[in-house]
Amino acid sequence: MPEFDRFARNMAEASDILTGLRNRGVLFGLSRAIHHWNNPFGKLFPQTLTMVAEFEANLDHLRTREGMARARAKGRLKGKQPKLPLAARKTIHDPDDDASLADLAEEYSVGRLSCGR
C-alpha cells in the first residue's frame, strides 16, 4: 500500500492534485464506501490526510536538523570529505605543474571535476 505522505510535498501541491482528480471525475473509496468530492466527507477527508502528512514531513525535517546540530556540536558532522588526500590536492593546485586534468584524474583515480584547478 502506498504511503499517503508520499502523495504531495505540501498542502498547495496536494490541493492541485486533488483538484485535478476531481476535475477528471475520479472518485475515492474508504473501506467499502465510495465518496464524491462534493459531499462533506469527500471534501474533508483528503485535506485532513494531506495536513497530517505535511505535519509528519515537517516533524521529520525538524528531527533531522536537530540530529545534525547535535552531531555538529560533537564534531561528528564535518560535511563531504574530499576524495583526494591533501598531498594530491597540493600537487593538483600547483600552478607550475604542466599535467592535464585528464592525466591527474587518471593518476589519482578520480573524475576530472575532482581535479579542478
PDB file of N, CA and C in Angstrom:
ATOM      1  N   MET A   1       0.842  -1.183   0.000  1.00  0.00           N
ATOM      2  CA  MET A   1       0.000   0.000   0.000  1.00  0.00           C
ATOM      3  C   MET A   1       0.882   1.240   0.000  1.00  0.00           C
ATOM      4  N   PRO A   2       0.687   2.165  -0.916  1.00  0.00           N
ATOM      5  CA  PRO A   2       1.497   3.377  -0.935  1.00  0.00           C
ATOM      6  C   PRO A   2       1.212   4.248   0.289  1.00  0.00           C
ATOM      7  N   GLU A   3       2.225   4.905   0.741  1.00  0.00           N
ATOM      8  CA  GLU A   3       2.079   5.794   1.893  1.00  0.00           C
ATOM      9  C   GLU A   3       1.484   7.118   1.452  1.00  0.00           C
ATOM     10  N   PHE A   4       0.545   7.647   2.215  1.00  0.00           N
ATOM     11  CA  PHE A   4      -0.097   8.892   1.826  1.00  0.00           C
ATOM     12  C   PHE A   4       0.847  10.080   1.956  1.00  0.00           C
ATOM     13  N   ASP A   5       1.875   9.988   2.824  1.00  0.00           N
ATOM     14  CA  ASP A   5       2.800  11.110   2.971  1.00  0.00           C
ATOM     15  C   ASP A   5       3.683  11.284   1.734  1.00  0.00           C
ATOM     16  N   ARG A   6       3.625  10.345   0.790  1.00  0.00           N
ATOM     17  CA  ARG A   6       4.356  10.479  -0.475  1.00  0.00           C
ATOM     18  C   ARG A   6       3.482  11.113  -1.554  1.00  0.00           C
ATOM     19  N   PHE A   7       2.233  11.386  -1.213  1.00  0.00           N
ATOM     20  CA  PHE A   7       1.245  11.911  -2.152  1.00  0.00           C
ATOM     21  C   PHE A   7       1.625  13.305  -2.654  1.00  0.00           C
ATOM     22  N   ALA A   8       2.065  14.165  -1.769  1.00  0.00           N
ATOM     23  CA  ALA A   8       2.402  15.536  -2.142  1.00  0.00           C
ATOM     24  C   ALA A   8       3.400  16.089  -1.140  1.00  0.00           C
ATOM     25  N   ARG A   9       4.140  17.109  -1.562  1.00  0.00           N
ATOM     26  CA  ARG A   9       5.157  17.701  -0.681  1.00  0.00           C
ATOM     27  C   ARG A   9       4.570  18.696   0.308  1.00  0.00           C
ATOM     28  N   ASN A  10       3.441  19.295  -0.056  1.00  0.00           N
ATOM     29  CA  ASN A  10       2.836  20.292   0.822  1.00  0.00           C
ATOM     30  C   ASN A  10       1.360  20.435   0.480  1.00  0.00           C
ATOM     31  N   MET A  11       0.660  21.273   1.234  1.00  0.00           N
ATOM     32  CA  MET A  11      -0.784  21.437   1.043  1.00  0.00           C
ATOM     33  C   MET A  11      -1.114  22.004  -0.335  1.00  0.00           C
ATOM     34  N   ALA A  12      -0.319  22.936  -0.820  1.00  0.00           N
ATOM     35  CA  ALA A  12      -0.607  23.550  -2.122  1.00  0.00           C
ATOM     36  C   ALA A  12      -0.517  22.515  -3.244  1.00  0.00           C
ATOM     37  N   GLU A  13       0.528  21.698  -3.220  1.00  0.00           N
ATOM     38  CA  GLU A  13       0.681  20.661  -4.240  1.00  0.00           C
ATOM     39  C   GLU A  13      -0.447  19.636  -4.135  1.00  0.00           C
ATOM     40  N   ALA A  14      -0.811  19.248  -2.920  1.00  0.00           N
ATOM     41  CA  ALA A  14      -1.904  18.296  -2.730  1.00  0.00           C
ATOM     42  C   ALA A  14      -3.214  18.865  -3.242  1.00  0.00           C
ATOM     43  N   SER A  15      -3.436  20.146  -2.989  1.00  0.00           N
ATOM     44  CA  SER A  15      -4.655  20.789  -3.473  1.00  0.00           C
ATOM     45  C   SER A  15      -4.732  20.746  -4.994  1.00  0.00           C
ATOM     46  N   ASP A  16      -3.616  21.006  -5.657  1.00  0.00           N
ATOM     47  CA  ASP A  16      -3.579  20.936  -7.122  1.00  0.00           C
ATOM     48  C   ASP A  16      -3.887  19.521  -7.612  1.00  0.00           C
ATOM     49  N   ILE A  17      -3.295  18.523  -6.971  1.00  0.00           N
ATOM     50  CA  ILE A  17      -3.519  17.134  -7.370  1.00  0.00           C
ATOM     51  C   ILE A  17      -4.978  16.744  -7.152  1.00  0.00           C
ATOM     52  N   LEU A  18      -5.519  17.094  -5.976  1.00  0.00           N
ATOM     53  CA  LEU A  18      -6.910  16.749  -5.680  1.00  0.00           C
ATOM     54  C   LEU A  18      -7.873  17.449  -6.628  1.00  0.00           C
ATOM     55  N   THR A  19      -7.590  18.698  -6.968  1.00  0.00           N
ATOM     56  CA  THR A  19      -8.430  19.430  -7.925  1.00  0.00           C
ATOM     57  C   THR A  19      -8.398  18.747  -9.286  1.00  0.00           C
ATOM     58  N   GLY A  20      -7.214  18.319  -9.715  1.00  0.00           N
ATOM     59  CA  GLY A  20      -7.094  17.618 -10.987  1.00  0.00           C
ATOM     60  C   GLY A  20      -7.878  16.314 -10.989  1.00  0.00           C
ATOM     61  N   LEU A  21      -7.799  15.554  -9.895  1.00  0.00           N
ATOM     62  CA  LEU A  21      -8.559  14.314  -9.796  1.00  0.00           C
ATOM     63  C   LEU A  21     -10.056  14.581  -9.830  1.00  0.00           C
ATOM     64  N   ARG A  22     -10.482  15.583  -9.081  1.00  0.00           N
ATOM     65  CA  ARG A  22     -11.903  15.935  -9.032  1.00  0.00           C
ATOM     66  C   ARG A  22     -12.394  16.346 -10.417  1.00  0.00           C
ATOM     67  N   ASN A  23     -11.597  17.155 -11.126  1.00  0.00           N
ATOM     68  CA  ASN A  23     -11.994  17.624 -12.456  1.00  0.00           C
ATOM     69  C   ASN A  23     -12.080  16.483 -13.473  1.00  0.00           C
ATOM     70  N   ARG A  24     -11.305  15.416 -13.258  1.00  0.00           N
ATOM     71  CA  ARG A  24     -11.344  14.260 -14.165  1.00  0.00           C
ATOM     72  C   ARG A  24     -12.427  13.265 -13.778  1.00  0.00           C
ATOM     73  N   GLY A  25     -13.164  13.554 -12.703  1.00  0.00           N
ATOM     74  CA  GLY A  25     -14.256  12.678 -12.303  1.00  0.00           C
ATOM     75  C   GLY A  25     -13.825  11.474 -11.496  1.00  0.00           C
ATOM     76  N   VAL A  26     -12.620  11.502 -10.953  1.00  0.00           N
ATOM     77  CA  VAL A  26     -12.118  10.387 -10.147  1.00  0.00           C
ATOM     78  C   VAL A  26     -12.800  10.419  -8.781  1.00  0.00           C
ATOM     79  N   LEU A  27     -13.283   9.266  -8.341  1.00  0.00           N
ATOM     80  CA  LEU A  27     -13.872   9.136  -7.014  1.00  0.00           C
ATOM     81  C   LEU A  27     -12.870   8.426  -6.119  1.00  0.00           C
ATOM     82  N   PHE A  28     -13.044   8.529  -4.825  1.00  0.00           N
ATOM     83  CA  PHE A  28     -12.149   7.793  -3.934  1.00  0.00           C
ATOM     84  C   PHE A  28     -12.971   6.975  -2.963  1.00  0.00           C
ATOM     85  N   GLY A  29     -12.389   5.876  -2.548  1.00  0.00           N
ATOM     86  CA  GLY A  29     -13.082   4.985  -1.636  1.00  0.00           C
ATOM     87  C   GLY A  29     -12.331   4.820  -0.340  1.00  0.00           C
ATOM     88  N   LEU A  30     -13.108   4.629   0.700  1.00  0.00           N
ATOM     89  CA  LEU A  30     -12.534   4.338   2.005  1.00  0.00           C
ATOM     90  C   LEU A  30     -13.355   3.192   2.568  1.00  0.00           C
ATOM     91  N   SER A  31     -12.687   2.107   2.849  1.00  0.00           N
ATOM     92  CA  SER A  31     -13.361   0.886   3.265  1.00  0.00           C
ATOM     93  C   SER A  31     -14.254   0.441   2.110  1.00  0.00           C
ATOM     94  N   ARG A  32     -15.553   0.339   2.323  1.00  0.00           N
ATOM     95  CA  ARG A  32     -16.445  -0.109   1.248  1.00  0.00           C
ATOM     96  C   ARG A  32     -17.245   1.031   0.651  1.00  0.00           C
ATOM     97  N   ALA A  33     -17.020   2.242   1.112  1.00  0.00           N
ATOM     98  CA  ALA A  33     -17.816   3.380   0.647  1.00  0.00           C
ATOM     99  C   ALA A  33     -17.058   4.157  -0.430  1.00  0.00           C
ATOM    100  N   ILE A  34     -17.802   4.602  -1.446  1.00  0.00           N
ATOM    101  CA  ILE A  34     -17.252   5.460  -2.492  1.00  0.00           C
ATOM    102  C   ILE A  34     -17.719   6.880  -2.186  1.00  0.00           C
ATOM    103  N   HIS A  35     -16.789   7.817  -2.204  1.00  0.00           N
ATOM    104  CA  HIS A  35     -17.128   9.198  -1.832  1.00  0.00           C
ATOM    105  C   HIS A  35     -16.968  10.131  -3.024  1.00  0.00           C
ATOM    106  N   HIS A  36     -17.900  11.051  -3.130  1.00  0.00           N
ATOM    107  CA  HIS A  36     -17.839  12.094  -4.153  1.00  0.00           C
ATOM    108  C   HIS A  36     -17.149  13.309  -3.547  1.00  0.00           C
ATOM    109  N   TRP A  37     -16.486  14.071  -4.385  1.00  0.00           N
ATOM    110  CA  TRP A  37     -15.716  15.229  -3.926  1.00  0.00           C
ATOM    111  C   TRP A  37     -16.609  16.330  -3.364  1.00  0.00           C
ATOM    112  N   ASN A  38     -17.876  16.345  -3.738  1.00  0.00           N
ATOM    113  CA  ASN A  38     -18.725  17.462  -3.320  1.00  0.00           C
ATOM    114  C   ASN A  38     -19.506  17.178  -2.043  1.00  0.00           C
ATOM    115  N   ASN A  39     -19.435  15.956  -1.480  1.00  0.00           N
ATOM    116  CA  ASN A  39     -20.115  15.744  -0.201  1.00  0.00           C
ATOM    117  C   ASN A  39     -19.172  16.149   0.932  1.00  0.00           C
ATOM    118  N   PRO A  40     -19.693  16.399   2.118  1.00  0.00           N
ATOM    119  CA  PRO A  40     -18.844  16.904   3.209  1.00  0.00           C
ATOM    120  C   PRO A  40     -17.644  16.018   3.521  1.00  0.00           C
ATOM    121  N   PHE A  41     -17.851  14.704   3.556  1.00  0.00           N
ATOM    122  CA  PHE A  41     -16.730  13.809   3.843  1.00  0.00           C
ATOM    123  C   PHE A  41     -15.725  13.836   2.700  1.00  0.00           C
ATOM    124  N   GLY A  42     -16.206  13.901   1.482  1.00  0.00           N
ATOM    125  CA  GLY A  42     -15.333  13.946   0.314  1.00  0.00           C
ATOM    126  C   GLY A  42     -14.478  15.196   0.271  1.00  0.00           C
ATOM    127  N   LYS A  43     -14.933  16.263   0.880  1.00  0.00           N
ATOM    128  CA  LYS A  43     -14.133  17.499   0.959  1.00  0.00           C
ATOM    129  C   LYS A  43     -13.144  17.452   2.121  1.00  0.00           C
ATOM    130  N   LEU A  44     -13.600  16.911   3.238  1.00  0.00           N
ATOM    131  CA  LEU A  44     -12.786  16.945   4.456  1.00  0.00           C
ATOM    132  C   LEU A  44     -11.668  15.913   4.470  1.00  0.00           C
ATOM    133  N   PHE A  45     -11.965  14.681   4.122  1.00  0.00           N
ATOM    134  CA  PHE A  45     -11.025  13.585   4.345  1.00  0.00           C
ATOM    135  C   PHE A  45      -9.695  13.742   3.604  1.00  0.00           C
ATOM    136  N   PRO A  46      -9.680  14.000   2.289  1.00  0.00           N
ATOM    137  CA  PRO A  46      -8.373  14.134   1.610  1.00  0.00           C
ATOM    138  C   PRO A  46      -7.547  15.302   2.149  1.00  0.00           C
ATOM    139  N   GLN A  47      -8.222  16.398   2.484  1.00  0.00           N
ATOM    140  CA  GLN A  47      -7.489  17.550   3.018  1.00  0.00           C
ATOM    141  C   GLN A  47      -6.904  17.235   4.392  1.00  0.00           C
ATOM    142  N   THR A  48      -7.650  16.504   5.195  1.00  0.00           N
ATOM    143  CA  THR A  48      -7.161  16.133   6.522  1.00  0.00           C
ATOM    144  C   THR A  48      -5.947  15.212   6.414  1.00  0.00           C
ATOM    145  N   LEU A  49      -6.037  14.220   5.528  1.00  0.00           N
ATOM    146  CA  LEU A  49      -4.892  13.324   5.332  1.00  0.00           C
ATOM    147  C   LEU A  49      -3.671  14.107   4.850  1.00  0.00           C
ATOM    148  N   THR A  50      -3.881  15.058   3.969  1.00  0.00           N
ATOM    149  CA  THR A  50      -2.774  15.869   3.456  1.00  0.00           C
ATOM    150  C   THR A  50      -2.158  16.705   4.562  1.00  0.00           C
ATOM    151  N   MET A  51      -2.991  17.290   5.409  1.00  0.00           N
ATOM    152  CA  MET A  51      -2.471  18.079   6.534  1.00  0.00           C
ATOM    153  C   MET A  51      -1.615  17.224   7.462  1.00  0.00           C
ATOM    154  N   VAL A  52      -2.095  16.028   7.776  1.00  0.00           N
ATOM    155  CA  VAL A  52      -1.352  15.137   8.665  1.00  0.00           C
ATOM    156  C   VAL A  52      -0.037  14.715   8.010  1.00  0.00           C
ATOM    157  N   ALA A  53      -0.078  14.409   6.711  1.00  0.00           N
ATOM    158  CA  ALA A  53       1.142  14.009   6.004  1.00  0.00           C
ATOM    159  C   ALA A  53       2.162  15.149   5.998  1.00  0.00           C
ATOM    160  N   GLU A  54       1.705  16.382   5.756  1.00  0.00           N
ATOM    161  CA  GLU A  54       2.634  17.521   5.766  1.00  0.00           C
ATOM    162  C   GLU A  54       3.201  17.736   7.165  1.00  0.00           C
ATOM    163  N   PHE A  55       2.361  17.577   8.190  1.00  0.00           N
ATOM    164  CA  PHE A  55       2.815  17.709   9.569  1.00  0.00           C
ATOM    165  C   PHE A  55       3.908  16.680   9.874  1.00  0.00           C
ATOM    166  N   GLU A  56       3.704  15.424   9.467  1.00  0.00           N
ATOM    167  CA  GLU A  56       4.704  14.382   9.692  1.00  0.00           C
ATOM    168  C   GLU A  56       6.008  14.691   8.956  1.00  0.00           C
ATOM    169  N   ALA A  57       5.898  15.199   7.728  1.00  0.00           N
ATOM    170  CA  ALA A  57       7.103  15.546   6.969  1.00  0.00           C
ATOM    171  C   ALA A  57       7.857  16.679   7.666  1.00  0.00           C
ATOM    172  N   ASN A  58       7.117  17.670   8.179  1.00  0.00           N
ATOM    173  CA  ASN A  58       7.765  18.783   8.891  1.00  0.00           C
ATOM    174  C   ASN A  58       8.445  18.300  10.167  1.00  0.00           C
ATOM    175  N   LEU A  59       7.814  17.371  10.878  1.00  0.00           N
ATOM    176  CA  LEU A  59       8.446  16.802  12.075  1.00  0.00           C
ATOM    177  C   LEU A  59       9.730  16.065  11.711  1.00  0.00           C
ATOM    178  N   ASP A  60       9.691  15.316  10.624  1.00  0.00           N
ATOM    179  CA  ASP A  60      10.875  14.583  10.181  1.00  0.00           C
ATOM    180  C   ASP A  60      12.012  15.542   9.843  1.00  0.00           C
ATOM    181  N   HIS A  61      11.701  16.643   9.145  1.00  0.00           N
ATOM    182  CA  HIS A  61      12.729  17.644   8.829  1.00  0.00           C
ATOM    183  C   HIS A  61      13.293  18.274  10.093  1.00  0.00           C
ATOM    184  N   LEU A  62      12.412  18.573  11.050  1.00  0.00           N
ATOM    185  CA  LEU A  62      12.861  19.163  12.312  1.00  0.00           C
ATOM    186  C   LEU A  62      13.789  18.207  13.053  1.00  0.00           C
ATOM    187  N   ARG A  63      13.417  16.936  13.126  1.00  0.00           N
ATOM    188  CA  ARG A  63      14.260  15.958  13.813  1.00  0.00           C
ATOM    189  C   ARG A  63      15.606  15.795  13.113  1.00  0.00           C
ATOM    190  N   THR A  64      15.599  15.831  11.791  1.00  0.00           N
ATOM    191  CA  THR A  64      16.848  15.719  11.041  1.00  0.00           C
ATOM    192  C   THR A  64      17.760  16.896  11.352  1.00  0.00           C
ATOM    193  N   ARG A  65      17.213  18.113  11.319  1.00  0.00           N
ATOM    194  CA  ARG A  65      18.027  19.297  11.628  1.00  0.00           C
ATOM    195  C   ARG A  65      18.566  19.253  13.058  1.00  0.00           C
ATOM    196  N   GLU A  66      17.729  18.805  14.009  1.00  0.00           N
ATOM    197  CA  GLU A  66      18.183  18.694  15.397  1.00  0.00           C
ATOM    198  C   GLU A  66      19.302  17.662  15.524  1.00  0.00           C
ATOM    199  N   GLY A  67      19.152  16.530  14.851  1.00  0.00           N
ATOM    200  CA  GLY A  67      20.185  15.496  14.886  1.00  0.00           C
ATOM    201  C   GLY A  67      21.490  15.971  14.278  1.00  0.00           C
ATOM    202  N   MET A  68      21.389  16.713  13.175  1.00  0.00           N
ATOM    203  CA  MET A  68      22.600  17.256  12.546  1.00  0.00           C
ATOM    204  C   MET A  68      23.267  18.277  13.460  1.00  0.00           C
ATOM    205  N   ALA A  69      22.478  19.087  14.157  1.00  0.00           N
ATOM    206  CA  ALA A  69      23.050  20.077  15.077  1.00  0.00           C
ATOM    207  C   ALA A  69      23.781  19.383  16.230  1.00  0.00           C
ATOM    208  N   ARG A  70      23.181  18.303  16.752  1.00  0.00           N
ATOM    209  CA  ARG A  70      23.848  17.553  17.834  1.00  0.00           C
ATOM    210  C   ARG A  70      25.146  16.923  17.328  1.00  0.00           C
ATOM    211  N   ALA A  71      25.111  16.349  16.137  1.00  0.00           N
ATOM    212  CA  ALA A  71      26.317  15.726  15.576  1.00  0.00           C
ATOM    213  C   ALA A  71      27.390  16.776  15.324  1.00  0.00           C
ATOM    214  N   ARG A  72      26.988  17.942  14.821  1.00  0.00           N
ATOM    215  CA  ARG A  72      27.946  19.019  14.557  1.00  0.00           C
ATOM    216  C   ARG A  72      28.581  19.496  15.875  1.00  0.00           C
ATOM    217  N   ALA A  73      27.771  19.590  16.935  1.00  0.00           N
ATOM    218  CA  ALA A  73      28.287  20.023  18.241  1.00  0.00           C
ATOM    219  C   ALA A  73      29.294  19.022  18.812  1.00  0.00           C
ATOM    220  N   LYS A  74      29.105  17.742  18.489  1.00  0.00           N
ATOM    221  CA  LYS A  74      30.027  16.706  18.962  1.00  0.00           C
ATOM    222  C   LYS A  74      31.203  16.512  18.012  1.00  0.00           C
ATOM    223  N   GLY A  75      31.226  17.262  16.918  1.00  0.00           N
ATOM    224  CA  GLY A  75      32.322  17.158  15.969  1.00  0.00           C
ATOM    225  C   GLY A  75      32.216  15.974  15.030  1.00  0.00           C
ATOM    226  N   ARG A  76      31.029  15.405  14.906  1.00  0.00           N
ATOM    227  CA  ARG A  76      30.849  14.217  14.063  1.00  0.00           C
ATOM    228  C   ARG A  76      30.312  14.552  12.674  1.00  0.00           C
ATOM    229  N   LEU A  77      29.826  15.752  12.483  1.00  0.00           N
ATOM    230  CA  LEU A  77      29.276  16.138  11.184  1.00  0.00           C
ATOM    231  C   LEU A  77      30.226  17.149  10.567  1.00  0.00           C
ATOM    232  N   LYS A  78      30.967  16.708   9.584  1.00  0.00           N
ATOM    233  CA  LYS A  78      32.002  17.563   9.012  1.00  0.00           C
ATOM    234  C   LYS A  78      31.773  17.837   7.531  1.00  0.00           C
ATOM    235  N   GLY A  79      30.666  17.384   6.991  1.00  0.00           N
ATOM    236  CA  GLY A  79      30.392  17.607   5.574  1.00  0.00           C
ATOM    237  C   GLY A  79      31.072  16.562   4.712  1.00  0.00           C
ATOM    238  N   LYS A  80      30.936  16.745   3.433  1.00  0.00           N
ATOM    239  CA  LYS A  80      31.513  15.794   2.485  1.00  0.00           C
ATOM    240  C   LYS A  80      33.028  15.879   2.522  1.00  0.00           C
ATOM    241  N   GLN A  81      33.661  14.743   2.651  1.00  0.00           N
ATOM    242  CA  GLN A  81      35.118  14.694   2.728  1.00  0.00           C
ATOM    243  C   GLN A  81      35.705  14.666   1.316  1.00  0.00           C
ATOM    244  N   PRO A  82      36.858  15.301   1.116  1.00  0.00           N
ATOM    245  CA  PRO A  82      37.475  15.304  -0.210  1.00  0.00           C
ATOM    246  C   PRO A  82      37.893  13.898  -0.634  1.00  0.00           C
ATOM    247  N   LYS A  83      37.808  13.642  -1.941  1.00  0.00           N
ATOM    248  CA  LYS A  83      38.193  12.336  -2.469  1.00  0.00           C
ATOM    249  C   LYS A  83      39.706  12.174  -2.508  1.00  0.00           C
ATOM    250  N   LEU A  84      40.408  13.272  -2.632  1.00  0.00           N
ATOM    251  CA  LEU A  84      41.863  13.211  -2.774  1.00  0.00           C
ATOM    252  C   LEU A  84      42.552  13.526  -1.461  1.00  0.00           C
ATOM    253  N   PRO A  85      43.677  12.863  -1.181  1.00  0.00           N
ATOM    254  CA  PRO A  85      44.458  13.206   0.007  1.00  0.00           C
ATOM    255  C   PRO A  85      45.062  14.613  -0.141  1.00  0.00           C
ATOM    256  N   LEU A  86      45.459  15.200   0.970  1.00  0.00           N
ATOM    257  CA  LEU A  86      45.989  16.559   0.979  1.00  0.00           C
ATOM    258  C   LEU A  86      47.172  16.716   0.030  1.00  0.00           C
ATOM    259  N   ALA A  87      48.089  15.771   0.026  1.00  0.00           N
ATOM    260  CA  ALA A  87      49.266  15.859  -0.850  1.00  0.00           C
ATOM    261  C   ALA A  87      48.851  15.909  -2.316  1.00  0.00           C
ATOM    262  N   ALA A  88      47.872  15.124  -2.675  1.00  0.00           N
ATOM    263  CA  ALA A  88      47.403  15.115  -4.060  1.00  0.00           C
ATOM    264  C   ALA A  88      46.743  16.447  -4.412  1.00  0.00           C
ATOM    265  N   ARG A  89      45.969  16.998  -3.476  1.00  0.00           N
ATOM    266  CA  ARG A  89      45.319  18.296  -3.745  1.00  0.00           C
ATOM    267  C   ARG A  89      46.361  19.388  -3.933  1.00  0.00           C
ATOM    268  N   LYS A  90      47.446  19.340  -3.159  1.00  0.00           N
ATOM    269  CA  LYS A  90      48.509  20.345  -3.323  1.00  0.00           C
ATOM    270  C   LYS A  90      49.171  20.206  -4.688  1.00  0.00           C
ATOM    271  N   THR A  91      49.407  18.981  -5.111  1.00  0.00           N
ATOM    272  CA  THR A  91      50.020  18.729  -6.418  1.00  0.00           C
ATOM    273  C   THR A  91      49.132  19.251  -7.536  1.00  0.00           C
ATOM    274  N   ILE A  92      47.856  18.986  -7.434  1.00  0.00           N
ATOM    275  CA  ILE A  92      46.918  19.394  -8.482  1.00  0.00           C
ATOM    276  C   ILE A  92      46.843  20.907  -8.591  1.00  0.00           C
ATOM    277  N   HIS A  93      46.897  21.585  -7.481  1.00  0.00           N
ATOM    278  CA  HIS A  93      46.755  23.041  -7.494  1.00  0.00           C
ATOM    279  C   HIS A  93      48.078  23.776  -7.706  1.00  0.00           C
ATOM    280  N   ASP A  94      49.127  23.034  -7.968  1.00  0.00           N
ATOM    281  CA  ASP A  94      50.434  23.647  -8.219  1.00  0.00           C
ATOM    282  C   ASP A  94      50.419  24.299  -9.610  1.00  0.00           C
ATOM    283  N   PRO A  95      50.548  25.634  -9.683  1.00  0.00           N
ATOM    284  CA  PRO A  95      50.472  26.317 -10.979  1.00  0.00           C
ATOM    285  C   PRO A  95      51.649  25.984 -11.898  1.00  0.00           C
ATOM    286  N   ASP A  96      52.757  25.479 -11.354  1.00  0.00           N
ATOM    287  CA  ASP A  96      53.919  25.150 -12.179  1.00  0.00           C
ATOM    288  C   ASP A  96      53.807  23.757 -12.800  1.00  0.00           C
ATOM    289  N   ASP A  97      52.813  22.987 -12.368  1.00  0.00           N
ATOM    290  CA  ASP A  97      52.639  21.628 -12.881  1.00  0.00           C
ATOM    291  C   ASP A  97      51.994  21.698 -14.267  1.00  0.00           C
ATOM    292  N   ASP A  98      52.576  20.999 -15.235  1.00  0.00           N
ATOM    293  CA  ASP A  98      52.075  21.024 -16.604  1.00  0.00           C
ATOM    294  C   ASP A  98      51.113  19.875 -16.913  1.00  0.00           C
ATOM    295  N   ALA A  99      50.787  19.041 -15.956  1.00  0.00           N
ATOM    296  CA  ALA A  99      49.919  17.888 -16.205  1.00  0.00           C
ATOM    297  C   ALA A  99      48.498  18.348 -16.523  1.00  0.00           C
ATOM    298  N   SER A 100      47.875  17.656 -17.443  1.00  0.00           N
ATOM    299  CA  SER A 100      46.493  17.986 -17.794  1.00  0.00           C
ATOM    300  C   SER A 100      45.544  17.428 -16.734  1.00  0.00           C
ATOM    301  N   LEU A 101      44.331  17.940 -16.710  1.00  0.00           N
ATOM    302  CA  LEU A 101      43.345  17.435 -15.764  1.00  0.00           C
ATOM    303  C   LEU A 101      43.077  15.954 -16.000  1.00  0.00           C
ATOM    304  N   ALA A 102      43.036  15.544 -17.259  1.00  0.00           N
ATOM    305  CA  ALA A 102      42.797  14.133 -17.570  1.00  0.00           C
ATOM    306  C   ALA A 102      43.910  13.254 -17.003  1.00  0.00           C
ATOM    307  N   ASP A 103      45.164  13.708 -17.127  1.00  0.00           N
ATOM    308  CA  ASP A 103      46.285  12.946 -16.581  1.00  0.00           C
ATOM    309  C   ASP A 103      46.199  12.840 -15.060  1.00  0.00           C
ATOM    310  N   LEU A 104      45.890  13.967 -14.417  1.00  0.00           N
ATOM    311  CA  LEU A 104      45.787  13.968 -12.956  1.00  0.00           C
ATOM    312  C   LEU A 104      44.635  13.087 -12.485  1.00  0.00           C
ATOM    313  N   ALA A 105      43.503  13.167 -13.183  1.00  0.00           N
ATOM    314  CA  ALA A 105      42.353  12.351 -12.810  1.00  0.00           C
ATOM    315  C   ALA A 105      42.680  10.870 -12.923  1.00  0.00           C
ATOM    316  N   GLU A 106      43.390  10.517 -13.979  1.00  0.00           N
ATOM    317  CA  GLU A 106      43.762   9.109 -14.157  1.00  0.00           C
ATOM    318  C   GLU A 106      44.755   8.676 -13.085  1.00  0.00           C
ATOM    319  N   GLU A 107      45.718   9.529 -12.779  1.00  0.00           N
ATOM    320  CA  GLU A 107      46.740   9.208 -11.780  1.00  0.00           C
ATOM    321  C   GLU A 107      46.124   8.953 -10.404  1.00  0.00           C
ATOM    322  N   TYR A 108      45.127   9.766 -10.026  1.00  0.00           N
ATOM    323  CA  TYR A 108      44.531   9.653  -8.704  1.00  0.00           C
ATOM    324  C   TYR A 108      43.212   8.873  -8.697  1.00  0.00           C
ATOM    325  N   SER A 109      42.825   8.331  -9.838  1.00  0.00           N
ATOM    326  CA  SER A 109      41.605   7.521  -9.962  1.00  0.00           C
ATOM    327  C   SER A 109      40.348   8.271  -9.522  1.00  0.00           C
ATOM    328  N   VAL A 110      40.216   9.491  -9.997  1.00  0.00           N
ATOM    329  CA  VAL A 110      39.045  10.304  -9.709  1.00  0.00           C
ATOM    330  C   VAL A 110      38.565  10.925 -11.018  1.00  0.00           C
ATOM    331  N   GLY A 111      37.391  11.536 -10.988  1.00  0.00           N
ATOM    332  CA  GLY A 111      36.894  12.241 -12.166  1.00  0.00           C
ATOM    333  C   GLY A 111      37.644  13.549 -12.372  1.00  0.00           C
ATOM    334  N   ARG A 112      37.584  14.076 -13.584  1.00  0.00           N
ATOM    335  CA  ARG A 112      38.291  15.328 -13.873  1.00  0.00           C
ATOM    336  C   ARG A 112      37.761  16.495 -13.039  1.00  0.00           C
ATOM    337  N   LEU A 113      36.479  16.463 -12.702  1.00  0.00           N
ATOM    338  CA  LEU A 113      35.914  17.554 -11.900  1.00  0.00           C
ATOM    339  C   LEU A 113      36.546  17.616 -10.507  1.00  0.00           C
ATOM    340  N   SER A 114      36.986  16.483 -10.000  1.00  0.00           N
ATOM    341  CA  SER A 114      37.636  16.461  -8.672  1.00  0.00           C
ATOM    342  C   SER A 114      39.017  17.115  -8.729  1.00  0.00           C
ATOM    343  N   CYS A 115      39.555  17.290  -9.922  1.00  0.00           N
ATOM    344  CA  CYS A 115      40.893  17.853 -10.095  1.00  0.00           C
ATOM    345  C   CYS A 115      40.846  19.308 -10.521  1.00  0.00           C
ATOM    346  N   GLY A 116      39.679  19.915 -10.492  1.00  0.00           N
ATOM    347  CA  GLY A 116      39.549  21.295 -10.964  1.00  0.00           C
ATOM    348  C   GLY A 116      40.565  22.227 -10.356  1.00  0.00           C
ATOM    349  N   ARG A 117      41.132  23.066 -11.184  1.00  0.00           N
ATOM    350  CA  ARG A 117      42.171  23.982 -10.702  1.00  0.00           C
ATOM    351  C   ARG A 117      41.589  25.305 -10.392  1.00  0.00           C
TER     352      ARG A 117
END
